[in-house]
Amino acid sequence: MVLTAEQIKENYDVLIKGIEKYVTGDRKQKFLDFYNSLDDRIALLPASHKKAYHNCFPGGYVEHVVRVITAAFKLHAVWSEMGMADTFTEEELFVSALNHDLGKIGSLEEVSVFPSTDEWRKKNLGEMYTFNTKNEYMTVPDRSLFLLQQAGIQLTTNEYIAIKTHDGLYDDANSPYLKGFMPETKPRTSLPYVLHQADLMAARIEFEREWNGKFGNEKPKQRVSKQDRVNTNLDKIGSGKDNLMNLVKNL
C-alpha cells in the first residue's frame, strides 16, 4: 500500500488534534512539544519492518495508531454497553492508544529503521526496512514508557499498565499482570483489555487488507446466516415456551 503525502499529513494531524482535544493539564503541551519535535520521523515511519506483518510502508505507523485510537473508543462504547465498570477516563484511553507503540520510533537520538538496500532480502523475505543497531535493545512497550519518561510526561497507573501490556498474552512478560488468579493481582481497570483488543483488531484488519486475495482466498459465497434463520423462525412461530422449544430445534 502507498499513502500520498496528503494522506500522511492528514493522519498525523489527527494525532495532534487528539492531543489538543483529550489531554489536559501541563502534559498537553509536553505531548505537543514531543510530537512536534519528531514530526517528520513519526509521520513517515512504517508500523513494521516486514511485509508479512502490518502497515510496512511510509506513514504506516501513524495510520495504525489512528486506527487503534478509533477502535479503542468504539470498543469502549461496547464494553460500557455490556456493563463495564467506569474505571478509566477518555483521556487515559486516548493517551494509552496514542502511545502504545511509541517505542517503534527509536530513541531520541536515533531512528529505529532505515529503508533496506538489500534487494535479495526485500524480494525473498519481504524485509523492506533494516533495524538501526545503534539503539540499545528494548521491547516496544518498554521503550514507549522510557521515551515518555525522557519527555517528562507523567502517566497514570492505568496508562502505564495499559501501554506496558498492550500486546496481551502474546508477550510472556505480561503474564504476571494478566494471568493473576487472585482479585488483588488482577488489573483494577479494563483499560489494558480494551487497548489490547483495539490493537489486535487494527493489526488484523491491516494484515487482511495487504494479504487477502493473494493466496486465492476469495470472499465466501453469500449464504443465510444462523441469525437470519433465527429471525425467520421467530417471525413464523411467535412466542411462548412451546414455540421457543420449536425454535431451538430448528436452529
C-alpha atoms as a PDB file:
ATOM      1  CA  MET A   1       0.000   0.000   0.000  1.00  0.00           C
ATOM      2  CA  VAL A   2       1.168   3.552  -0.728  1.00  0.00           C
ATOM      3  CA  LEU A   3      -0.094   6.643   1.079  1.00  0.00           C
ATOM      4  CA  THR A   4       0.024  10.049  -0.556  1.00  0.00           C
ATOM      5  CA  ALA A   5       1.769  12.967   1.129  1.00  0.00           C
ATOM      6  CA  GLU A   6      -1.674  14.441   1.810  1.00  0.00           C
ATOM      7  CA  GLN A   7      -2.887  11.240   3.486  1.00  0.00           C
ATOM      8  CA  ILE A   8       0.244  11.054   5.642  1.00  0.00           C
ATOM      9  CA  LYS A   9      -0.238  14.662   6.766  1.00  0.00           C
ATOM     10  CA  GLU A  10      -3.960  14.153   7.432  1.00  0.00           C
ATOM     11  CA  ASN A  11      -3.253  11.102   9.598  1.00  0.00           C
ATOM     12  CA  TYR A  12      -0.594  12.934  11.575  1.00  0.00           C
ATOM     13  CA  ASP A  13      -2.909  15.904  12.086  1.00  0.00           C
ATOM     14  CA  VAL A  14      -5.431  13.504  13.671  1.00  0.00           C
ATOM     15  CA  LEU A  15      -2.885  12.724  16.395  1.00  0.00           C
ATOM     16  CA  ILE A  16      -2.166  16.383  17.095  1.00  0.00           C
ATOM     17  CA  LYS A  17      -5.874  17.291  17.180  1.00  0.00           C
ATOM     18  CA  GLY A  18      -6.472  14.354  19.516  1.00  0.00           C
ATOM     19  CA  ILE A  19      -3.834  15.626  21.922  1.00  0.00           C
ATOM     20  CA  GLU A  20      -5.426  19.073  21.863  1.00  0.00           C
ATOM     21  CA  LYS A  21      -8.890  17.604  22.494  1.00  0.00           C
ATOM     22  CA  TYR A  22      -8.304  14.893  25.083  1.00  0.00           C
ATOM     23  CA  VAL A  23      -5.120  15.684  27.022  1.00  0.00           C
ATOM     24  CA  THR A  24      -5.440  18.066  29.948  1.00  0.00           C
ATOM     25  CA  GLY A  25      -3.125  19.941  32.293  1.00  0.00           C
ATOM     26  CA  ASP A  26       0.513  20.783  31.701  1.00  0.00           C
ATOM     27  CA  ARG A  27       1.224  17.493  29.963  1.00  0.00           C
ATOM     28  CA  LYS A  28      -0.827  18.597  26.936  1.00  0.00           C
ATOM     29  CA  GLN A  29       1.961  20.993  25.952  1.00  0.00           C
ATOM     30  CA  LYS A  30       4.585  18.367  26.747  1.00  0.00           C
ATOM     31  CA  PHE A  31       2.903  15.926  24.380  1.00  0.00           C
ATOM     32  CA  LEU A  32       2.632  18.593  21.680  1.00  0.00           C
ATOM     33  CA  ASP A  33       6.287  19.559  22.092  1.00  0.00           C
ATOM     34  CA  PHE A  34       7.398  15.932  21.956  1.00  0.00           C
ATOM     35  CA  TYR A  35       5.398  15.034  18.857  1.00  0.00           C
ATOM     36  CA  ASN A  36       6.219  18.276  17.038  1.00  0.00           C
ATOM     37  CA  SER A  37       9.941  17.813  17.694  1.00  0.00           C
ATOM     38  CA  LEU A  38       9.848  14.423  15.947  1.00  0.00           C
ATOM     39  CA  ASP A  39       7.021  15.064  13.495  1.00  0.00           C
ATOM     40  CA  ASP A  40       8.766  14.076  10.245  1.00  0.00           C
ATOM     41  CA  ARG A  41      10.201  10.890  11.727  1.00  0.00           C
ATOM     42  CA  ILE A  42       6.904   9.807  13.291  1.00  0.00           C
ATOM     43  CA  ALA A  43       4.809  10.762  10.249  1.00  0.00           C
ATOM     44  CA  LEU A  44       6.905   8.726   7.785  1.00  0.00           C
ATOM     45  CA  LEU A  45       7.573   5.691   9.996  1.00  0.00           C
ATOM     46  CA  PRO A  46       6.297   2.240   8.954  1.00  0.00           C
ATOM     47  CA  ALA A  47       4.405   0.187  11.527  1.00  0.00           C
ATOM     48  CA  SER A  48       6.519  -2.887  10.723  1.00  0.00           C
ATOM     49  CA  HIS A  49       9.813  -3.632   9.000  1.00  0.00           C
ATOM     50  CA  LYS A  50       8.494  -6.644   7.098  1.00  0.00           C
ATOM     51  CA  LYS A  51       5.652  -7.016   4.582  1.00  0.00           C
ATOM     52  CA  ALA A  52       4.420 -10.187   6.316  1.00  0.00           C
ATOM     53  CA  TYR A  53       3.396  -8.010   9.249  1.00  0.00           C
ATOM     54  CA  HIS A  54       1.168  -4.929   9.080  1.00  0.00           C
ATOM     55  CA  ASN A  55       1.495  -1.475   7.525  1.00  0.00           C
ATOM     56  CA  CYS A  56       5.027  -1.915   6.223  1.00  0.00           C
ATOM     57  CA  PHE A  57       5.137   1.351   4.274  1.00  0.00           C
ATOM     58  CA  PRO A  58       5.900   5.046   4.895  1.00  0.00           C
ATOM     59  CA  GLY A  59       3.184   6.508   7.096  1.00  0.00           C
ATOM     60  CA  GLY A  60       2.052   3.054   8.195  1.00  0.00           C
ATOM     61  CA  TYR A  61       2.845   3.690  11.859  1.00  0.00           C
ATOM     62  CA  VAL A  62       0.596   6.738  12.212  1.00  0.00           C
ATOM     63  CA  GLU A  63      -2.177   5.131  10.164  1.00  0.00           C
ATOM     64  CA  HIS A  64      -2.067   2.179  12.574  1.00  0.00           C
ATOM     65  CA  VAL A  65      -2.150   4.442  15.631  1.00  0.00           C
ATOM     66  CA  VAL A  66      -5.144   6.349  14.252  1.00  0.00           C
ATOM     67  CA  ARG A  67      -6.950   3.039  13.657  1.00  0.00           C
ATOM     68  CA  VAL A  68      -6.146   1.853  17.197  1.00  0.00           C
ATOM     69  CA  ILE A  69      -7.443   5.113  18.694  1.00  0.00           C
ATOM     70  CA  THR A  70     -10.647   4.831  16.655  1.00  0.00           C
ATOM     71  CA  ALA A  71     -11.126   1.173  17.592  1.00  0.00           C
ATOM     72  CA  ALA A  72     -10.389   1.887  21.263  1.00  0.00           C
ATOM     73  CA  PHE A  73     -13.169   4.467  21.522  1.00  0.00           C
ATOM     74  CA  LYS A  74     -15.628   2.210  19.692  1.00  0.00           C
ATOM     75  CA  LEU A  75     -14.715  -0.749  21.907  1.00  0.00           C
ATOM     76  CA  HIS A  76     -15.032   1.439  24.983  1.00  0.00           C
ATOM     77  CA  ALA A  77     -18.635   2.098  23.965  1.00  0.00           C
ATOM     78  CA  VAL A  78     -19.266  -1.632  23.503  1.00  0.00           C
ATOM     79  CA  TRP A  79     -17.701  -2.544  26.852  1.00  0.00           C
ATOM     80  CA  SER A  80     -19.712   0.192  28.579  1.00  0.00           C
ATOM     81  CA  GLU A  81     -22.944  -1.018  26.984  1.00  0.00           C
ATOM     82  CA  MET A  82     -22.169  -4.531  28.208  1.00  0.00           C
ATOM     83  CA  GLY A  83     -21.771  -3.314  31.789  1.00  0.00           C
ATOM     84  CA  MET A  84     -18.075  -2.447  32.180  1.00  0.00           C
ATOM     85  CA  ALA A  85     -17.292  -0.569  35.386  1.00  0.00           C
ATOM     86  CA  ASP A  86     -16.294   3.076  34.914  1.00  0.00           C
ATOM     87  CA  THR A  87     -12.628   2.756  35.928  1.00  0.00           C
ATOM     88  CA  PHE A  88     -10.738   4.929  33.427  1.00  0.00           C
ATOM     89  CA  THR A  89     -11.169   8.254  31.663  1.00  0.00           C
ATOM     90  CA  GLU A  90     -11.346   9.180  27.977  1.00  0.00           C
ATOM     91  CA  GLU A  91      -8.012  10.936  28.430  1.00  0.00           C
ATOM     92  CA  GLU A  92      -6.416   7.732  29.728  1.00  0.00           C
ATOM     93  CA  LEU A  93      -7.923   5.790  26.825  1.00  0.00           C
ATOM     94  CA  PHE A  94      -6.582   8.276  24.273  1.00  0.00           C
ATOM     95  CA  VAL A  95      -3.113   8.597  25.834  1.00  0.00           C
ATOM     96  CA  SER A  96      -2.711   4.821  26.018  1.00  0.00           C
ATOM     97  CA  ALA A  97      -3.817   4.264  22.418  1.00  0.00           C
ATOM     98  CA  LEU A  98      -1.735   7.185  21.126  1.00  0.00           C
ATOM     99  CA  ASN A  99       1.472   5.921  22.728  1.00  0.00           C
ATOM    100  CA  HIS A 100       1.036   2.134  22.780  1.00  0.00           C
ATOM    101  CA  ASP A 101       3.649   1.619  20.031  1.00  0.00           C
ATOM    102  CA  LEU A 102       5.676   4.789  20.555  1.00  0.00           C
ATOM    103  CA  GLY A 103       8.815   2.704  21.105  1.00  0.00           C
ATOM    104  CA  LYS A 104       8.822   1.879  17.401  1.00  0.00           C
ATOM    105  CA  ILE A 105      10.141   5.364  16.604  1.00  0.00           C
ATOM    106  CA  GLY A 106      13.572   4.523  18.061  1.00  0.00           C
ATOM    107  CA  SER A 107      15.445   6.628  20.593  1.00  0.00           C
ATOM    108  CA  LEU A 108      15.536  10.410  20.829  1.00  0.00           C
ATOM    109  CA  GLU A 109      18.896  10.344  19.059  1.00  0.00           C
ATOM    110  CA  GLU A 110      18.457   7.537  16.542  1.00  0.00           C
ATOM    111  CA  VAL A 111      15.734   6.368  14.153  1.00  0.00           C
ATOM    112  CA  SER A 112      14.515   2.809  14.596  1.00  0.00           C
ATOM    113  CA  VAL A 113      14.778   1.623  10.974  1.00  0.00           C
ATOM    114  CA  PHE A 114      16.273   2.510   7.608  1.00  0.00           C
ATOM    115  CA  PRO A 115      14.891   1.615   4.169  1.00  0.00           C
ATOM    116  CA  SER A 116      16.610  -1.608   3.184  1.00  0.00           C
ATOM    117  CA  THR A 117      19.179  -1.596   0.385  1.00  0.00           C
ATOM    118  CA  ASP A 118      19.380  -5.393   0.280  1.00  0.00           C
ATOM    119  CA  GLU A 119      17.409  -6.332  -2.815  1.00  0.00           C
ATOM    120  CA  TRP A 120      17.587 -10.058  -2.056  1.00  0.00           C
ATOM    121  CA  ARG A 121      16.060  -9.637   1.408  1.00  0.00           C
ATOM    122  CA  LYS A 122      13.372  -7.320   0.064  1.00  0.00           C
ATOM    123  CA  LYS A 123      12.414  -9.700  -2.730  1.00  0.00           C
ATOM    124  CA  ASN A 124      12.671 -13.025  -0.884  1.00  0.00           C
ATOM    125  CA  LEU A 125      11.932 -12.112   2.749  1.00  0.00           C
ATOM    126  CA  GLY A 126       9.814  -9.019   2.345  1.00  0.00           C
ATOM    127  CA  GLU A 127      12.140  -7.090   4.662  1.00  0.00           C
ATOM    128  CA  MET A 128      11.644  -3.553   3.448  1.00  0.00           C
ATOM    129  CA  TYR A 129      13.433  -1.934   6.384  1.00  0.00           C
ATOM    130  CA  THR A 130      16.585  -2.646   8.381  1.00  0.00           C
ATOM    131  CA  PHE A 131      16.842  -2.106  12.138  1.00  0.00           C
ATOM    132  CA  ASN A 132      19.220   0.566  13.384  1.00  0.00           C
ATOM    133  CA  THR A 133      21.649  -1.311  15.635  1.00  0.00           C
ATOM    134  CA  LYS A 134      22.868   1.914  17.267  1.00  0.00           C
ATOM    135  CA  ASN A 135      19.804   1.792  19.503  1.00  0.00           C
ATOM    136  CA  GLU A 136      20.025  -0.096  22.776  1.00  0.00           C
ATOM    137  CA  TYR A 137      17.668  -3.080  22.654  1.00  0.00           C
ATOM    138  CA  MET A 138      14.358  -2.587  24.402  1.00  0.00           C
ATOM    139  CA  THR A 139      10.934  -4.086  23.861  1.00  0.00           C
ATOM    140  CA  VAL A 140       8.495  -1.727  22.178  1.00  0.00           C
ATOM    141  CA  PRO A 141       6.380  -1.178  25.333  1.00  0.00           C
ATOM    142  CA  ASP A 142       9.465  -0.553  27.479  1.00  0.00           C
ATOM    143  CA  ARG A 143      10.887   1.949  25.001  1.00  0.00           C
ATOM    144  CA  SER A 144       7.486   3.647  24.764  1.00  0.00           C
ATOM    145  CA  LEU A 145       7.458   4.193  28.521  1.00  0.00           C
ATOM    146  CA  PHE A 146      11.125   5.253  28.529  1.00  0.00           C
ATOM    147  CA  LEU A 147      10.555   7.868  25.815  1.00  0.00           C
ATOM    148  CA  LEU A 148       7.635   9.359  27.723  1.00  0.00           C
ATOM    149  CA  GLN A 149       9.795   9.479  30.851  1.00  0.00           C
ATOM    150  CA  GLN A 150      12.505  11.315  28.901  1.00  0.00           C
ATOM    151  CA  ALA A 151       9.898  13.807  27.702  1.00  0.00           C
ATOM    152  CA  GLY A 152       8.908  14.499  31.304  1.00  0.00           C
ATOM    153  CA  ILE A 153       5.394  13.175  30.743  1.00  0.00           C
ATOM    154  CA  GLN A 154       3.846  11.567  33.807  1.00  0.00           C
ATOM    155  CA  LEU A 155       1.439   8.702  33.213  1.00  0.00           C
ATOM    156  CA  THR A 156      -1.368   7.483  35.406  1.00  0.00           C
ATOM    157  CA  THR A 157      -1.211   3.925  36.733  1.00  0.00           C
ATOM    158  CA  ASN A 158      -3.939   2.921  34.272  1.00  0.00           C
ATOM    159  CA  GLU A 159      -1.997   4.347  31.319  1.00  0.00           C
ATOM    160  CA  TYR A 160       1.272   2.763  32.391  1.00  0.00           C
ATOM    161  CA  ILE A 161      -0.171  -0.736  32.754  1.00  0.00           C
ATOM    162  CA  ALA A 162      -2.195  -0.450  29.526  1.00  0.00           C
ATOM    163  CA  ILE A 163       0.842   0.567  27.451  1.00  0.00           C
ATOM    164  CA  LYS A 164       3.053  -1.983  29.194  1.00  0.00           C
ATOM    165  CA  THR A 165       0.660  -4.878  28.499  1.00  0.00           C
ATOM    166  CA  HIS A 166      -0.981  -3.842  25.214  1.00  0.00           C
ATOM    167  CA  ASP A 167       0.375  -6.946  23.441  1.00  0.00           C
ATOM    168  CA  GLY A 168      -1.673  -9.082  25.812  1.00  0.00           C
ATOM    169  CA  LEU A 169      -0.582 -12.669  26.356  1.00  0.00           C
ATOM    170  CA  TYR A 170       1.305 -12.694  23.050  1.00  0.00           C
ATOM    171  CA  ASP A 171       4.111 -11.376  25.286  1.00  0.00           C
ATOM    172  CA  ASP A 172       5.021 -13.719  28.153  1.00  0.00           C
ATOM    173  CA  ALA A 173       6.219 -10.735  30.176  1.00  0.00           C
ATOM    174  CA  ASN A 174       2.576  -9.723  30.599  1.00  0.00           C
ATOM    175  CA  SER A 175       1.565 -12.948  32.344  1.00  0.00           C
ATOM    176  CA  PRO A 176       2.066 -11.569  35.878  1.00  0.00           C
ATOM    177  CA  TYR A 177      -0.275  -8.688  35.017  1.00  0.00           C
ATOM    178  CA  LEU A 178      -2.959 -10.550  33.080  1.00  0.00           C
ATOM    179  CA  LYS A 179      -2.994 -14.108  34.449  1.00  0.00           C
ATOM    180  CA  GLY A 180      -3.431 -13.407  38.130  1.00  0.00           C
ATOM    181  CA  PHE A 181      -5.830 -15.794  39.869  1.00  0.00           C
ATOM    182  CA  MET A 182      -6.489 -13.651  42.930  1.00  0.00           C
ATOM    183  CA  PRO A 183      -8.598 -10.464  42.781  1.00  0.00           C
ATOM    184  CA  GLU A 184      -5.769  -8.358  44.210  1.00  0.00           C
ATOM    185  CA  THR A 185      -3.376  -9.414  41.410  1.00  0.00           C
ATOM    186  CA  LYS A 186      -5.724  -8.679  38.520  1.00  0.00           C
ATOM    187  CA  PRO A 187      -5.733  -5.297  36.750  1.00  0.00           C
ATOM    188  CA  ARG A 188      -8.032  -2.881  38.551  1.00  0.00           C
ATOM    189  CA  THR A 189      -9.265  -1.429  35.274  1.00  0.00           C
ATOM    190  CA  SER A 190     -10.423  -2.838  31.938  1.00  0.00           C
ATOM    191  CA  LEU A 191      -8.264  -0.358  30.016  1.00  0.00           C
ATOM    192  CA  PRO A 192      -5.484  -2.900  29.232  1.00  0.00           C
ATOM    193  CA  TYR A 193      -8.054  -5.277  27.728  1.00  0.00           C
ATOM    194  CA  VAL A 194      -9.782  -2.582  25.664  1.00  0.00           C
ATOM    195  CA  LEU A 195      -6.435  -1.345  24.319  1.00  0.00           C
ATOM    196  CA  HIS A 196      -5.228  -4.856  23.509  1.00  0.00           C
ATOM    197  CA  GLN A 197      -8.411  -5.640  21.614  1.00  0.00           C
ATOM    198  CA  ALA A 198      -8.164  -2.358  19.684  1.00  0.00           C
ATOM    199  CA  ASP A 199      -4.553  -3.050  18.722  1.00  0.00           C
ATOM    200  CA  LEU A 200      -5.336  -6.639  17.756  1.00  0.00           C
ATOM    201  CA  MET A 201      -8.294  -5.540  15.638  1.00  0.00           C
ATOM    202  CA  ALA A 202      -6.316  -2.813  13.871  1.00  0.00           C
ATOM    203  CA  ALA A 203      -3.323  -5.031  13.113  1.00  0.00           C
ATOM    204  CA  ARG A 204      -5.536  -7.836  11.812  1.00  0.00           C
ATOM    205  CA  ILE A 205      -7.501  -5.518   9.534  1.00  0.00           C
ATOM    206  CA  GLU A 206      -4.264  -4.064   8.174  1.00  0.00           C
ATOM    207  CA  PHE A 207      -2.872  -7.547   7.567  1.00  0.00           C
ATOM    208  CA  GLU A 208      -6.034  -8.649   5.741  1.00  0.00           C
ATOM    209  CA  ARG A 209      -6.001  -5.524   3.584  1.00  0.00           C
ATOM    210  CA  GLU A 210      -2.498  -6.435   2.408  1.00  0.00           C
ATOM    211  CA  TRP A 211      -2.774 -10.193   2.061  1.00  0.00           C
ATOM    212  CA  ASN A 212      -6.381 -11.274   1.468  1.00  0.00           C
ATOM    213  CA  GLY A 213      -6.752 -12.499  -2.073  1.00  0.00           C
ATOM    214  CA  LYS A 214      -3.044 -13.155  -2.561  1.00  0.00           C
ATOM    215  CA  PHE A 215      -3.433 -16.820  -1.624  1.00  0.00           C
ATOM    216  CA  GLY A 216      -6.597 -17.480  -3.616  1.00  0.00           C
ATOM    217  CA  ASN A 217      -8.827 -16.927  -0.596  1.00  0.00           C
ATOM    218  CA  GLU A 218     -11.785 -15.348  -2.306  1.00  0.00           C
ATOM    219  CA  LYS A 219     -14.771 -13.979  -0.439  1.00  0.00           C
ATOM    220  CA  PRO A 220     -17.236 -16.737   0.505  1.00  0.00           C
ATOM    221  CA  LYS A 221     -20.439 -17.024  -1.457  1.00  0.00           C
ATOM    222  CA  GLN A 222     -23.452 -15.317   0.090  1.00  0.00           C
ATOM    223  CA  ARG A 223     -25.307 -17.649   2.403  1.00  0.00           C
ATOM    224  CA  VAL A 224     -28.022 -17.415   5.003  1.00  0.00           C
ATOM    225  CA  SER A 225     -26.512 -16.958   8.441  1.00  0.00           C
ATOM    226  CA  LYS A 226     -27.728 -18.675  11.580  1.00  0.00           C
ATOM    227  CA  GLN A 227     -29.008 -15.317  12.821  1.00  0.00           C
ATOM    228  CA  ASP A 228     -31.058 -14.902   9.633  1.00  0.00           C
ATOM    229  CA  ARG A 229     -32.563 -18.340  10.240  1.00  0.00           C
ATOM    230  CA  VAL A 230     -33.363 -17.365  13.820  1.00  0.00           C
ATOM    231  CA  ASN A 231     -35.090 -14.158  12.693  1.00  0.00           C
ATOM    232  CA  THR A 232     -37.095 -16.047  10.054  1.00  0.00           C
ATOM    233  CA  ASN A 233     -38.173 -18.681  12.556  1.00  0.00           C
ATOM    234  CA  LEU A 234     -39.146 -16.040  15.105  1.00  0.00           C
ATOM    235  CA  ASP A 235     -41.389 -14.415  12.549  1.00  0.00           C
ATOM    236  CA  LYS A 236     -43.079 -17.735  11.872  1.00  0.00           C
ATOM    237  CA  ILE A 237     -43.641 -19.208  15.304  1.00  0.00           C
ATOM    238  CA  GLY A 238     -44.415 -16.283  17.589  1.00  0.00           C
ATOM    239  CA  SER A 239     -43.762 -16.629  21.342  1.00  0.00           C
ATOM    240  CA  GLY A 240     -44.339 -18.951  24.274  1.00  0.00           C
ATOM    241  CA  LYS A 241     -42.454 -21.837  25.887  1.00  0.00           C
ATOM    242  CA  ASP A 242     -43.527 -24.473  23.368  1.00  0.00           C
ATOM    243  CA  ASN A 243     -42.747 -22.193  20.473  1.00  0.00           C
ATOM    244  CA  LEU A 244     -39.333 -21.444  21.980  1.00  0.00           C
ATOM    245  CA  MET A 245     -38.563 -25.181  22.073  1.00  0.00           C
ATOM    246  CA  ASN A 246     -39.555 -25.421  18.414  1.00  0.00           C
ATOM    247  CA  LEU A 247     -37.254 -22.544  17.624  1.00  0.00           C
ATOM    248  CA  VAL A 248     -34.307 -24.285  19.296  1.00  0.00           C
ATOM    249  CA  LYS A 249     -34.998 -27.465  17.334  1.00  0.00           C
ATOM    250  CA  ASN A 250     -34.998 -25.502  14.089  1.00  0.00           C
ATOM    251  CA  LEU A 251     -31.540 -23.996  14.620  1.00  0.00           C
END
